PDB file of N, CA and C in Angstrom:
ATOM      1  N   MET A   1       7.465 -16.119  27.808  1.00  0.00           N
ATOM      2  CA  MET A   1       8.617 -16.188  26.950  1.00  0.00           C
ATOM      3  C   MET A   1       9.552 -17.325  27.346  1.00  0.00           C
ATOM      4  N   PRO A   2       9.159 -18.273  28.174  1.00  0.00           N
ATOM      5  CA  PRO A   2      10.055 -19.365  28.520  1.00  0.00           C
ATOM      6  C   PRO A   2      10.355 -20.261  27.330  1.00  0.00           C
ATOM      7  N   ASP A   3       9.514 -20.252  26.290  1.00  0.00           N
ATOM      8  CA  ASP A   3       9.754 -21.102  25.127  1.00  0.00           C
ATOM      9  C   ASP A   3      10.743 -20.477  24.151  1.00  0.00           C
ATOM     10  N   GLY A   4      11.232 -19.280  24.423  1.00  0.00           N
ATOM     11  CA  GLY A   4      12.215 -18.640  23.554  1.00  0.00           C
ATOM     12  C   GLY A   4      11.598 -17.813  22.448  1.00  0.00           C
ATOM     13  N   GLY A   5      10.285 -17.644  22.457  1.00  0.00           N
ATOM     14  CA  GLY A   5       9.614 -16.864  21.414  1.00  0.00           C
ATOM     15  C   GLY A   5       9.676 -15.381  21.696  1.00  0.00           C
ATOM     16  N   LYS A   6       8.985 -14.625  20.861  1.00  0.00           N
ATOM     17  CA  LYS A   6       8.949 -13.174  21.029  1.00  0.00           C
ATOM     18  C   LYS A   6       8.048 -12.820  22.201  1.00  0.00           C
ATOM     19  N   PRO A   7       8.351 -11.730  22.899  1.00  0.00           N
ATOM     20  CA  PRO A   7       7.440 -11.269  23.954  1.00  0.00           C
ATOM     21  C   PRO A   7       6.091 -10.884  23.358  1.00  0.00           C
ATOM     22  N   MET A   8       5.058 -11.024  24.145  1.00  0.00           N
ATOM     23  CA  MET A   8       3.714 -10.742  23.648  1.00  0.00           C
ATOM     24  C   MET A   8       3.542  -9.286  23.249  1.00  0.00           C
ATOM     25  N   ALA A   9       4.217  -8.368  23.912  1.00  0.00           N
ATOM     26  CA  ALA A   9       4.072  -6.946  23.580  1.00  0.00           C
ATOM     27  C   ALA A   9       4.517  -6.694  22.148  1.00  0.00           C
ATOM     28  N   ASP A  10       5.622  -7.325  21.725  1.00  0.00           N
ATOM     29  CA  ASP A  10       6.099  -7.140  20.356  1.00  0.00           C
ATOM     30  C   ASP A  10       5.133  -7.745  19.348  1.00  0.00           C
ATOM     31  N   ALA A  11       4.601  -8.919  19.662  1.00  0.00           N
ATOM     32  CA  ALA A  11       3.706  -9.587  18.724  1.00  0.00           C
ATOM     33  C   ALA A  11       2.417  -8.801  18.538  1.00  0.00           C
ATOM     34  N   THR A  12       1.861  -8.289  19.624  1.00  0.00           N
ATOM     35  CA  THR A  12       0.604  -7.556  19.483  1.00  0.00           C
ATOM     36  C   THR A  12       0.828  -6.206  18.824  1.00  0.00           C
ATOM     37  N   LYS A  13       1.974  -5.582  19.091  1.00  0.00           N
ATOM     38  CA  LYS A  13       2.238  -4.271  18.500  1.00  0.00           C
ATOM     39  C   LYS A  13       2.341  -4.379  16.981  1.00  0.00           C
ATOM     40  N   SER A  14       3.047  -5.397  16.486  1.00  0.00           N
ATOM     41  CA  SER A  14       3.210  -5.512  15.039  1.00  0.00           C
ATOM     42  C   SER A  14       1.902  -5.896  14.364  1.00  0.00           C
ATOM     43  N   SER A  15       1.089  -6.752  15.002  1.00  0.00           N
ATOM     44  CA  SER A  15      -0.169  -7.131  14.366  1.00  0.00           C
ATOM     45  C   SER A  15      -1.155  -5.970  14.365  1.00  0.00           C
ATOM     46  N   THR A  16      -1.133  -5.154  15.408  1.00  0.00           N
ATOM     47  CA  THR A  16      -2.025  -3.995  15.446  1.00  0.00           C
ATOM     48  C   THR A  16      -1.654  -3.008  14.360  1.00  0.00           C
ATOM     49  N   HIS A  17      -0.357  -2.788  14.176  1.00  0.00           N
ATOM     50  CA  HIS A  17       0.094  -1.836  13.160  1.00  0.00           C
ATOM     51  C   HIS A  17      -0.301  -2.304  11.762  1.00  0.00           C
ATOM     52  N   SER A  18      -0.125  -3.602  11.486  1.00  0.00           N
ATOM     53  CA  SER A  18      -0.443  -4.071  10.139  1.00  0.00           C
ATOM     54  C   SER A  18      -1.944  -4.008   9.871  1.00  0.00           C
ATOM     55  N   SER A  19      -2.776  -4.284  10.885  1.00  0.00           N
ATOM     56  CA  SER A  19      -4.216  -4.208  10.645  1.00  0.00           C
ATOM     57  C   SER A  19      -4.655  -2.764  10.460  1.00  0.00           C
ATOM     58  N   THR A  20      -4.036  -1.837  11.193  1.00  0.00           N
ATOM     59  CA  THR A  20      -4.365  -0.422  11.015  1.00  0.00           C
ATOM     60  C   THR A  20      -3.963   0.032   9.628  1.00  0.00           C
ATOM     61  N   HIS A  21      -2.801  -0.404   9.172  1.00  0.00           N
ATOM     62  CA  HIS A  21      -2.319  -0.023   7.846  1.00  0.00           C
ATOM     63  C   HIS A  21      -3.235  -0.592   6.760  1.00  0.00           C
ATOM     64  N   LYS A  22      -3.694  -1.832   6.951  1.00  0.00           N
ATOM     65  CA  LYS A  22      -4.583  -2.429   5.959  1.00  0.00           C
ATOM     66  C   LYS A  22      -5.909  -1.677   5.895  1.00  0.00           C
ATOM     67  N   GLN A  23      -6.424  -1.246   7.056  1.00  0.00           N
ATOM     68  CA  GLN A  23      -7.672  -0.493   7.054  1.00  0.00           C
ATOM     69  C   GLN A  23      -7.493   0.822   6.323  1.00  0.00           C
ATOM     70  N   ARG A  24      -6.341   1.458   6.476  1.00  0.00           N
ATOM     71  CA  ARG A  24      -6.104   2.730   5.805  1.00  0.00           C
ATOM     72  C   ARG A  24      -6.047   2.519   4.290  1.00  0.00           C
ATOM     73  N   GLU A  25      -5.461   1.394   3.838  1.00  0.00           N
ATOM     74  CA  GLU A  25      -5.390   1.132   2.399  1.00  0.00           C
ATOM     75  C   GLU A  25      -6.767   0.836   1.818  1.00  0.00           C
ATOM     76  N   ARG A  26      -7.569   0.039   2.544  1.00  0.00           N
ATOM     77  CA  ARG A  26      -8.873  -0.363   2.025  1.00  0.00           C
ATOM     78  C   ARG A  26      -9.897   0.735   2.124  1.00  0.00           C
ATOM     79  N   GLY A  27      -9.763   1.581   3.114  1.00  0.00           N
ATOM     80  CA  GLY A  27     -10.768   2.607   3.328  1.00  0.00           C
ATOM     81  C   GLY A  27     -11.758   2.151   4.375  1.00  0.00           C
ATOM     82  N   PRO A  28     -12.860   2.868   4.522  1.00  0.00           N
ATOM     83  CA  PRO A  28     -13.836   2.525   5.560  1.00  0.00           C
ATOM     84  C   PRO A  28     -14.573   1.237   5.217  1.00  0.00           C
ATOM     85  N   GLU A  29     -15.090   0.618   6.251  1.00  0.00           N
ATOM     86  CA  GLU A  29     -15.872  -0.598   6.070  1.00  0.00           C
ATOM     87  C   GLU A  29     -17.178  -0.262   5.360  1.00  0.00           C
ATOM     88  N   PRO A  30     -17.738  -1.209   4.582  1.00  0.00           N
ATOM     89  CA  PRO A  30     -18.963  -0.926   3.831  1.00  0.00           C
ATOM     90  C   PRO A  30     -20.140  -0.543   4.717  1.00  0.00           C
ATOM     91  N   GLY A  31     -20.261  -1.108   5.906  1.00  0.00           N
ATOM     92  CA  GLY A  31     -21.385  -0.810   6.778  1.00  0.00           C
ATOM     93  C   GLY A  31     -21.138   0.371   7.688  1.00  0.00           C
ATOM     94  N   GLY A  32     -19.932   0.942   7.647  1.00  0.00           N
ATOM     95  CA  GLY A  32     -19.565   2.024   8.554  1.00  0.00           C
ATOM     96  C   GLY A  32     -20.104   3.356   8.089  1.00  0.00           C
ATOM     97  N   PRO A  33     -19.806   4.403   8.859  1.00  0.00           N
ATOM     98  CA  PRO A  33     -20.279   5.740   8.484  1.00  0.00           C
ATOM     99  C   PRO A  33     -19.574   6.243   7.234  1.00  0.00           C
ATOM    100  N   ALA A  34     -20.230   7.148   6.539  1.00  0.00           N
ATOM    101  CA  ALA A  34     -19.655   7.710   5.316  1.00  0.00           C
ATOM    102  C   ALA A  34     -18.484   8.613   5.681  1.00  0.00           C
ATOM    103  N   PRO A  35     -17.428   8.635   4.863  1.00  0.00           N
ATOM    104  CA  PRO A  35     -16.280   9.480   5.174  1.00  0.00           C
ATOM    105  C   PRO A  35     -16.631  10.956   5.041  1.00  0.00           C
ATOM    106  N   GLN A  36     -16.037  11.765   5.906  1.00  0.00           N
ATOM    107  CA  GLN A  36     -16.251  13.208   5.880  1.00  0.00           C
ATOM    108  C   GLN A  36     -15.072  13.851   5.174  1.00  0.00           C
ATOM    109  N   GLY A  37     -15.301  14.960   4.471  1.00  0.00           N
ATOM    110  CA  GLY A  37     -14.186  15.670   3.858  1.00  0.00           C
ATOM    111  C   GLY A  37     -14.444  15.961   2.400  1.00  0.00           C
ATOM    112  N   ASN A  38     -13.404  16.411   1.740  1.00  0.00           N
ATOM    113  CA  ASN A  38     -13.502  16.802   0.331  1.00  0.00           C
ATOM    114  C   ASN A  38     -12.952  15.683  -0.534  1.00  0.00           C
ATOM    115  N   ASP A  39     -13.734  14.708  -0.834  1.00  0.00           N
ATOM    116  CA  ASP A  39     -13.320  13.619  -1.707  1.00  0.00           C
ATOM    117  C   ASP A  39     -13.835  13.911  -3.105  1.00  0.00           C
ATOM    118  N   PRO A  40     -12.950  14.139  -4.092  1.00  0.00           N
ATOM    119  CA  PRO A  40     -13.421  14.481  -5.431  1.00  0.00           C
ATOM    120  C   PRO A  40     -14.178  13.345  -6.102  1.00  0.00           C
ATOM    121  N   GLU A  41     -13.916  12.104  -5.678  1.00  0.00           N
ATOM    122  CA  GLU A  41     -14.614  10.987  -6.300  1.00  0.00           C
ATOM    123  C   GLU A  41     -15.969  10.718  -5.653  1.00  0.00           C
ATOM    124  N   ALA A  42     -16.224  11.289  -4.473  1.00  0.00           N
ATOM    125  CA  ALA A  42     -17.470  11.013  -3.766  1.00  0.00           C
ATOM    126  C   ALA A  42     -18.652  11.745  -4.398  1.00  0.00           C
ATOM    127  N   GLY A  43     -18.433  12.942  -4.912  1.00  0.00           N
ATOM    128  CA  GLY A  43     -19.519  13.718  -5.502  1.00  0.00           C
ATOM    129  C   GLY A  43     -19.881  13.199  -6.884  1.00  0.00           C
ATOM    130  N   ALA A  44     -21.114  13.454  -7.299  1.00  0.00           N
ATOM    131  CA  ALA A  44     -21.537  13.048  -8.632  1.00  0.00           C
ATOM    132  C   ALA A  44     -21.012  14.053  -9.652  1.00  0.00           C
ATOM    133  N   PRO A  45     -20.323  13.601 -10.704  1.00  0.00           N
ATOM    134  CA  PRO A  45     -19.778  14.542 -11.673  1.00  0.00           C
ATOM    135  C   PRO A  45     -20.855  15.271 -12.467  1.00  0.00           C
ATOM    136  N   SER A  46     -22.052  14.679 -12.590  1.00  0.00           N
ATOM    137  CA  SER A  46     -23.104  15.334 -13.364  1.00  0.00           C
ATOM    138  C   SER A  46     -23.630  16.577 -12.643  1.00  0.00           C
ATOM    139  N   GLN A  47     -23.580  16.596 -11.296  1.00  0.00           N
ATOM    140  CA  GLN A  47     -24.039  17.765 -10.558  1.00  0.00           C
ATOM    141  C   GLN A  47     -23.014  18.890 -10.617  1.00  0.00           C
ATOM    142  N   GLN A  48     -21.728  18.545 -10.644  1.00  0.00           N
ATOM    143  CA  GLN A  48     -20.694  19.568 -10.653  1.00  0.00           C
ATOM    144  C   GLN A  48     -20.548  20.197 -12.032  1.00  0.00           C
ATOM    145  N   GLU A  49     -20.401  19.369 -13.053  1.00  0.00           N
ATOM    146  CA  GLU A  49     -20.254  19.873 -14.417  1.00  0.00           C
ATOM    147  C   GLU A  49     -21.001  18.944 -15.369  1.00  0.00           C
ATOM    148  N   PRO A  50     -21.672  19.485 -16.352  1.00  0.00           N
ATOM    149  CA  PRO A  50     -22.360  18.623 -17.306  1.00  0.00           C
ATOM    150  C   PRO A  50     -21.382  17.878 -18.210  1.00  0.00           C
ATOM    151  N   ASN A  51     -20.199  18.433 -18.443  1.00  0.00           N
ATOM    152  CA  ASN A  51     -19.210  17.787 -19.296  1.00  0.00           C
ATOM    153  C   ASN A  51     -18.439  16.756 -18.466  1.00  0.00           C
ATOM    154  N   ALA A  52     -18.405  15.494 -18.904  1.00  0.00           N
ATOM    155  CA  ALA A  52     -17.778  14.429 -18.128  1.00  0.00           C
ATOM    156  C   ALA A  52     -16.264  14.390 -18.315  1.00  0.00           C
ATOM    157  N   GLU A  53     -15.731  15.039 -19.312  1.00  0.00           N
ATOM    158  CA  GLU A  53     -14.295  14.954 -19.586  1.00  0.00           C
ATOM    159  C   GLU A  53     -13.437  15.551 -18.470  1.00  0.00           C
ATOM    160  N   PRO A  54     -13.710  16.753 -17.938  1.00  0.00           N
ATOM    161  CA  PRO A  54     -12.890  17.267 -16.834  1.00  0.00           C
ATOM    162  C   PRO A  54     -12.971  16.392 -15.586  1.00  0.00           C
ATOM    163  N   ALA A  55     -14.135  15.823 -15.308  1.00  0.00           N
ATOM    164  CA  ALA A  55     -14.262  14.941 -14.151  1.00  0.00           C
ATOM    165  C   ALA A  55     -13.397  13.703 -14.348  1.00  0.00           C
ATOM    166  N   ASP A  56     -13.344  13.200 -15.585  1.00  0.00           N
ATOM    167  CA  ASP A  56     -12.512  12.042 -15.880  1.00  0.00           C
ATOM    168  C   ASP A  56     -11.040  12.378 -15.670  1.00  0.00           C
ATOM    169  N   GLU A  57     -10.635  13.585 -16.067  1.00  0.00           N
ATOM    170  CA  GLU A  57      -9.246  13.998 -15.870  1.00  0.00           C
ATOM    171  C   GLU A  57      -8.929  14.115 -14.381  1.00  0.00           C
ATOM    172  N   ARG A  58      -9.867  14.636 -13.595  1.00  0.00           N
ATOM    173  CA  ARG A  58      -9.644  14.727 -12.149  1.00  0.00           C
ATOM    174  C   ARG A  58      -9.536  13.331 -11.549  1.00  0.00           C
ATOM    175  N   GLY A  59     -10.372  12.418 -12.021  1.00  0.00           N
ATOM    176  CA  GLY A  59     -10.314  11.046 -11.527  1.00  0.00           C
ATOM    177  C   GLY A  59      -8.993  10.384 -11.871  1.00  0.00           C
ATOM    178  N   ASP A  60      -8.502  10.635 -13.094  1.00  0.00           N
ATOM    179  CA  ASP A  60      -7.210  10.086 -13.485  1.00  0.00           C
ATOM    180  C   ASP A  60      -6.093  10.676 -12.643  1.00  0.00           C
ATOM    181  N   ALA A  61      -6.163  11.970 -12.383  1.00  0.00           N
ATOM    182  CA  ALA A  61      -5.131  12.614 -11.564  1.00  0.00           C
ATOM    183  C   ALA A  61      -5.146  12.044 -10.145  1.00  0.00           C
ATOM    184  N   ALA A  62      -6.337  11.838  -9.599  1.00  0.00           N
ATOM    185  CA  ALA A  62      -6.444  11.267  -8.254  1.00  0.00           C
ATOM    186  C   ALA A  62      -5.909   9.838  -8.244  1.00  0.00           C
ATOM    187  N   ARG A  63      -6.236   9.085  -9.289  1.00  0.00           N
ATOM    188  CA  ARG A  63      -5.740   7.706  -9.378  1.00  0.00           C
ATOM    189  C   ARG A  63      -4.221   7.692  -9.471  1.00  0.00           C
ATOM    190  N   ARG A  64      -3.648   8.605 -10.261  1.00  0.00           N
ATOM    191  CA  ARG A  64      -2.185   8.668 -10.374  1.00  0.00           C
ATOM    192  C   ARG A  64      -1.547   9.052  -9.044  1.00  0.00           C
ATOM    193  N   ARG A  65      -2.175   9.970  -8.298  1.00  0.00           N
ATOM    194  CA  ARG A  65      -1.634  10.341  -6.983  1.00  0.00           C
ATOM    195  C   ARG A  65      -1.660   9.152  -6.027  1.00  0.00           C
ATOM    196  N   ARG A  66      -2.792   8.424  -6.022  1.00  0.00           N
ATOM    197  CA  ARG A  66      -2.879   7.253  -5.141  1.00  0.00           C
ATOM    198  C   ARG A  66      -1.861   6.194  -5.542  1.00  0.00           C
ATOM    199  N   ARG A  67      -1.687   5.991  -6.837  1.00  0.00           N
ATOM    200  CA  ARG A  67      -0.728   4.995  -7.321  1.00  0.00           C
ATOM    201  C   ARG A  67       0.699   5.390  -6.947  1.00  0.00           C
ATOM    202  N   ALA A  68       1.035   6.668  -7.108  1.00  0.00           N
ATOM    203  CA  ALA A  68       2.373   7.141  -6.747  1.00  0.00           C
ATOM    204  C   ALA A  68       2.620   6.959  -5.252  1.00  0.00           C
ATOM    205  N   GLN A  69       1.614   7.262  -4.437  1.00  0.00           N
ATOM    206  CA  GLN A  69       1.748   7.085  -2.988  1.00  0.00           C
ATOM    207  C   GLN A  69       1.949   5.608  -2.658  1.00  0.00           C
ATOM    208  N   PHE A  70       1.188   4.739  -3.298  1.00  0.00           N
ATOM    209  CA  PHE A  70       1.323   3.305  -3.061  1.00  0.00           C
ATOM    210  C   PHE A  70       2.717   2.821  -3.441  1.00  0.00           C
ATOM    211  N   LEU A  71       3.218   3.257  -4.603  1.00  0.00           N
ATOM    212  CA  LEU A  71       4.541   2.821  -5.033  1.00  0.00           C
ATOM    213  C   LEU A  71       5.631   3.344  -4.102  1.00  0.00           C
ATOM    214  N   ARG A  72       5.469   4.569  -3.591  1.00  0.00           N
ATOM    215  CA  ARG A  72       6.449   5.089  -2.622  1.00  0.00           C
ATOM    216  C   ARG A  72       6.456   4.237  -1.358  1.00  0.00           C
ATOM    217  N   GLU A  73       5.267   3.891  -0.858  1.00  0.00           N
ATOM    218  CA  GLU A  73       5.186   3.076   0.353  1.00  0.00           C
ATOM    219  C   GLU A  73       5.732   1.674   0.110  1.00  0.00           C
ATOM    220  N   LEU A  74       5.484   1.121  -1.074  1.00  0.00           N
ATOM    221  CA  LEU A  74       5.990  -0.205  -1.399  1.00  0.00           C
ATOM    222  C   LEU A  74       7.515  -0.204  -1.438  1.00  0.00           C
ATOM    223  N   THR A  75       8.095   0.812  -2.062  1.00  0.00           N
ATOM    224  CA  THR A  75       9.550   0.921  -2.123  1.00  0.00           C
ATOM    225  C   THR A  75      10.136   1.074  -0.725  1.00  0.00           C
ATOM    226  N   GLU A  76       9.487   1.888   0.092  1.00  0.00           N
ATOM    227  CA  GLU A  76       9.963   2.084   1.466  1.00  0.00           C
ATOM    228  C   GLU A  76       9.908   0.773   2.244  1.00  0.00           C
ATOM    229  N   ALA A  77       8.850   0.002   2.060  1.00  0.00           N
ATOM    230  CA  ALA A  77       8.719  -1.276   2.762  1.00  0.00           C
ATOM    231  C   ALA A  77       9.797  -2.256   2.313  1.00  0.00           C
ATOM    232  N   ARG A  78      10.090  -2.281   1.015  1.00  0.00           N
ATOM    233  CA  ARG A  78      11.152  -3.168   0.520  1.00  0.00           C
ATOM    234  C   ARG A  78      12.509  -2.769   1.082  1.00  0.00           C
ATOM    235  N   GLU A  79      12.784  -1.460   1.121  1.00  0.00           N
ATOM    236  CA  GLU A  79      14.061  -0.999   1.672  1.00  0.00           C
ATOM    237  C   GLU A  79      14.173  -1.353   3.151  1.00  0.00           C
ATOM    238  N   LEU A  80      13.082  -1.204   3.888  1.00  0.00           N
ATOM    239  CA  LEU A  80      13.089  -1.561   5.303  1.00  0.00           C
ATOM    240  C   LEU A  80      13.347  -3.053   5.473  1.00  0.00           C
ATOM    241  N   ARG A  81      12.685  -3.875   4.667  1.00  0.00           N
ATOM    242  CA  ARG A  81      12.886  -5.323   4.748  1.00  0.00           C
ATOM    243  C   ARG A  81      14.330  -5.683   4.438  1.00  0.00           C
ATOM    244  N   ASP A  82      14.916  -5.025   3.428  1.00  0.00           N
ATOM    245  CA  ASP A  82      16.308  -5.300   3.084  1.00  0.00           C
ATOM    246  C   ASP A  82      17.248  -4.907   4.222  1.00  0.00           C
ATOM    247  N   ARG A  83      16.925  -3.823   4.932  1.00  0.00           N
ATOM    248  CA  ARG A  83      17.782  -3.391   6.044  1.00  0.00           C
ATOM    249  C   ARG A  83      17.693  -4.338   7.230  1.00  0.00           C
ATOM    250  N   VAL A  84      16.494  -4.817   7.535  1.00  0.00           N
ATOM    251  CA  VAL A  84      16.341  -5.634   8.738  1.00  0.00           C
ATOM    252  C   VAL A  84      16.621  -7.114   8.488  1.00  0.00           C
ATOM    253  N   GLN A  85      16.623  -7.543   7.227  1.00  0.00           N
ATOM    254  CA  GLN A  85      16.919  -8.943   6.901  1.00  0.00           C
ATOM    255  C   GLN A  85      17.951  -8.990   5.774  1.00  0.00           C
ATOM    256  N   PRO A  86      19.189  -8.593   6.043  1.00  0.00           N
ATOM    257  CA  PRO A  86      20.168  -8.481   4.958  1.00  0.00           C
ATOM    258  C   PRO A  86      20.487  -9.818   4.288  1.00  0.00           C
ATOM    259  N   ARG A  87      20.521 -10.898   5.049  1.00  0.00           N
ATOM    260  CA  ARG A  87      20.864 -12.195   4.444  1.00  0.00           C
ATOM    261  C   ARG A  87      19.762 -12.657   3.489  1.00  0.00           C
ATOM    262  N   ARG A  88      18.521 -12.492   3.916  1.00  0.00           N
ATOM    263  CA  ARG A  88      17.399 -12.872   3.059  1.00  0.00           C
ATOM    264  C   ARG A  88      17.333 -11.981   1.818  1.00  0.00           C
ATOM    265  N   ALA A  89      17.626 -10.699   1.995  1.00  0.00           N
ATOM    266  CA  ALA A  89      17.606  -9.769   0.861  1.00  0.00           C
ATOM    267  C   ALA A  89      18.687 -10.129  -0.152  1.00  0.00           C
ATOM    268  N   LYS A  90      19.867 -10.501   0.332  1.00  0.00           N
ATOM    269  CA  LYS A  90      20.953 -10.880  -0.581  1.00  0.00           C
ATOM    270  C   LYS A  90      20.571 -12.143  -1.350  1.00  0.00           C
ATOM    271  N   ALA A  91      19.996 -13.120  -0.665  1.00  0.00           N
ATOM    272  CA  ALA A  91      19.573 -14.352  -1.339  1.00  0.00           C
ATOM    273  C   ALA A  91      18.508 -14.047  -2.395  1.00  0.00           C
ATOM    274  N   ALA A  92      17.588 -13.146  -2.083  1.00  0.00           N
ATOM    275  CA  ALA A  92      16.550 -12.776  -3.052  1.00  0.00           C
ATOM    276  C   ALA A  92      17.163 -12.071  -4.257  1.00  0.00           C
ATOM    277  N   ARG A  93      18.147 -11.195  -4.021  1.00  0.00           N
ATOM    278  CA  ARG A  93      18.825 -10.523  -5.145  1.00  0.00           C
ATOM    279  C   ARG A  93      19.533 -11.529  -6.035  1.00  0.00           C
ATOM    280  N   LEU A  94      20.204 -12.513  -5.434  1.00  0.00           N
ATOM    281  CA  LEU A  94      20.911 -13.526  -6.220  1.00  0.00           C
ATOM    282  C   LEU A  94      19.930 -14.389  -7.016  1.00  0.00           C
ATOM    283  N   ARG A  95      18.803 -14.761  -6.398  1.00  0.00           N
ATOM    284  CA  ARG A  95      17.793 -15.538  -7.137  1.00  0.00           C
ATOM    285  C   ARG A  95      17.249 -14.742  -8.311  1.00  0.00           C
ATOM    286  N   HIS A  96      16.992 -13.457  -8.079  1.00  0.00           N
ATOM    287  CA  HIS A  96      16.475 -12.611  -9.153  1.00  0.00           C
ATOM    288  C   HIS A  96      17.498 -12.497 -10.287  1.00  0.00           C
ATOM    289  N   ALA A  97      18.771 -12.329  -9.941  1.00  0.00           N
ATOM    290  CA  ALA A  97      19.817 -12.234 -10.964  1.00  0.00           C
ATOM    291  C   ALA A  97      19.910 -13.536 -11.761  1.00  0.00           C
ATOM    292  N   MET A  98      19.791 -14.664 -11.087  1.00  0.00           N
ATOM    293  CA  MET A  98      19.833 -15.957 -11.784  1.00  0.00           C
ATOM    294  C   MET A  98      18.643 -16.086 -12.732  1.00  0.00           C
ATOM    295  N   ARG A  99      17.476 -15.669 -12.275  1.00  0.00           N
ATOM    296  CA  ARG A  99      16.299 -15.712 -13.140  1.00  0.00           C
ATOM    297  C   ARG A  99      16.484 -14.836 -14.368  1.00  0.00           C
ATOM    298  N   MET A 100      17.055 -13.669 -14.174  1.00  0.00           N
ATOM    299  CA  MET A 100      17.262 -12.751 -15.298  1.00  0.00           C
ATOM    300  C   MET A 100      18.288 -13.310 -16.285  1.00  0.00           C
ATOM    301  N   ARG A 101      19.310 -14.007 -15.768  1.00  0.00           N
ATOM    302  CA  ARG A 101      20.321 -14.582 -16.672  1.00  0.00           C
ATOM    303  C   ARG A 101      19.748 -15.724 -17.494  1.00  0.00           C
ATOM    304  N   THR A 102      18.828 -16.491 -16.912  1.00  0.00           N
ATOM    305  CA  THR A 102      18.305 -17.654 -17.627  1.00  0.00           C
ATOM    306  C   THR A 102      17.077 -17.326 -18.466  1.00  0.00           C
ATOM    307  N   PHE A 103      16.563 -16.114 -18.346  1.00  0.00           N
ATOM    308  CA  PHE A 103      15.379 -15.727 -19.111  1.00  0.00           C
ATOM    309  C   PHE A 103      15.755 -15.485 -20.563  1.00  0.00           C
ATOM    310  N   ARG A 104      14.965 -16.012 -21.489  1.00  0.00           N
ATOM    311  CA  ARG A 104      15.249 -15.810 -22.921  1.00  0.00           C
ATOM    312  C   ARG A 104      14.478 -14.608 -23.419  1.00  0.00           C
ATOM    313  N   TRP A 105      15.185 -13.648 -23.956  1.00  0.00           N
ATOM    314  CA  TRP A 105      14.572 -12.433 -24.466  1.00  0.00           C
ATOM    315  C   TRP A 105      14.066 -12.693 -25.813  1.00  0.00           C
TER     316      TRP A 105
END
């Protein structure tokens, strides 16, 4: 740290967290073991029910749950960024407001 940079412990901790988070979003690697558990999308819908419509509704419900979870995490990340970088957040808000004022409806 003689150059005035961040300590190595902080740098490795943040990079490890982001890579773990990315793996959780993407899911397992293609060559890795199959996931264990009750995944409604993993089973074949033709074996469970001959009618494809209820399976489609379950898939839509699962997709909506995943989307809602993603949007909650995205909002939380934006709020965290605004808290830890208030000057940058204010500048971004002002740029957005300027863009909205100059946009032609």
